[in-house]
Structures are given as structure tokens and as C-alpha cells.
Protein backbone atom coordinates (compact mmCIF):
# COMPACT_ATOMS: atom_id res chain seq x y z
CA MET A 1 118.60 136.66 290.62
CA THR A 2 115.33 136.01 292.42
CA LEU A 3 114.48 136.88 296.00
CA GLU A 4 114.46 133.14 296.73
CA GLN A 5 118.16 132.96 295.73
CA LEU A 6 119.27 135.92 297.84
CA ASP A 7 121.57 134.92 300.71
CA ASN A 8 120.42 135.54 304.27
CA GLY A 9 121.33 138.95 305.61
CA LEU A 10 122.05 140.60 302.25
CA GLU A 11 120.00 143.60 301.17
CA ALA A 12 118.61 143.89 297.67
CA THR A 13 116.22 146.01 295.65
CA ILE A 14 113.25 144.45 293.86
CA ILE A 15 113.74 145.32 290.19
CA ALA A 16 110.83 143.35 288.71
CA VAL A 17 107.90 141.21 289.79
CA ASP A 18 106.32 138.67 287.44
CA TRP A 19 102.74 139.09 288.66
CA SER A 20 101.56 136.47 286.14
CA LEU A 21 103.21 133.75 288.28
CA LEU A 22 100.95 134.64 291.21
CA GLU A 23 97.23 134.33 291.80
CA PRO A 24 95.52 137.75 291.53
CA GLY A 25 94.60 137.77 295.22
CA GLU A 26 98.15 136.85 296.24
CA GLY A 27 99.60 139.64 294.14
CA LYS A 28 97.19 142.15 295.67
CA ARG A 29 98.17 141.11 299.20
CA LEU A 30 101.90 141.26 298.40
CA ARG A 31 101.51 144.78 296.99
CA ALA A 32 99.59 145.82 300.11
CA LEU A 33 102.49 144.52 302.23
CA GLY A 34 104.96 146.61 300.23
CA PHE A 35 106.41 144.12 297.73
CA ASP A 36 106.84 146.05 294.48
CA GLU A 37 109.54 147.37 292.18
CA GLY A 38 112.06 149.68 293.86
CA VAL A 39 111.56 148.32 297.39
CA ARG A 40 114.58 147.26 299.47
CA VAL A 41 114.31 143.82 301.04
CA SER A 42 116.46 141.25 302.79
CA VAL A 43 115.99 137.58 303.71
CA VAL A 44 116.25 137.30 307.48
CA HIS A 45 115.62 133.58 307.96
CA ARG A 46 114.63 130.43 306.06
CA GLY A 47 112.51 127.52 307.21
CA VAL A 48 114.46 124.64 308.71
CA PHE A 49 112.88 121.64 307.01
CA GLY A 50 113.58 120.20 303.54
CA THR A 51 111.70 122.79 301.50
CA ARG A 52 113.25 125.73 303.42
CA ASP A 53 109.76 127.29 303.36
CA PRO A 54 108.77 129.95 304.38
CA LEU A 55 111.25 132.79 304.10
CA ALA A 56 111.25 135.59 306.67
CA VAL A 57 111.73 138.72 304.58
CA SER A 58 112.40 142.20 305.93
CA VAL A 59 110.52 144.99 304.14
CA GLY A 60 111.02 148.38 305.75
CA ARG A 61 110.38 147.89 309.48
CA MET A 62 108.30 144.73 308.98
CA THR A 63 109.34 141.09 308.81
CA ILE A 64 106.97 139.03 306.66
CA ALA A 65 106.74 135.28 306.14
CA LEU A 66 106.83 134.67 302.41
CA ARG A 67 106.43 131.40 300.52
CA ARG A 68 109.28 130.46 298.20
CA VAL A 69 106.91 130.34 295.22
CA HIS A 70 106.20 134.05 295.80
CA ALA A 71 109.89 134.87 296.24
CA ARG A 72 110.63 133.19 292.88
CA ALA A 73 108.42 135.76 291.13
CA MET A 74 110.58 138.67 292.34
CA GLN A 75 113.77 139.65 290.57
CA VAL A 76 116.23 141.46 292.85
CA GLU A 77 119.51 143.28 292.52
CA PRO A 78 121.86 143.04 295.51
CA ALA A 79 122.70 146.37 297.12
């Protein structure tokens, strides 16, 4: 399952990231924010309009706004 598909409030571990789906600069920023294999994440909130963009994702003690296109590149395994 992808991070985009993870239900709100559930924790998961990122098991793979398809960096080829992201622009090089975007991938670099996501890594700097802590998005990489082995990291525990959870979706805290989703946007309220039709696209449900962005996602508020908890990574460690931070909550980060993440576009759905970025969340689709991350494979997660629910905890």
C-alpha cells in the first residue's frame, strides 16, 4: 500500500520509496525532512476539497504537509 492509501491515524513504516517518480530536488527535500526507508509515519489529516490535497503527515515529532503525488511514491507497511 502507498502512504496516500494509509487511513488517518494509523502508523506505518516506509518500506520503499520510488525516487524515480519524483523530481530530483523534491526527493532531496523529502530525504532532508526524514522520509526514507525504515521511518515510521502516520497520516494526521487530509485536505478538505475534492483532491484531498495536501496530506498532513507525522514524521517523528514533526507534522509535514505532503502532496499526494509524493505520498504515492512511498510504499508503507502498517504497524
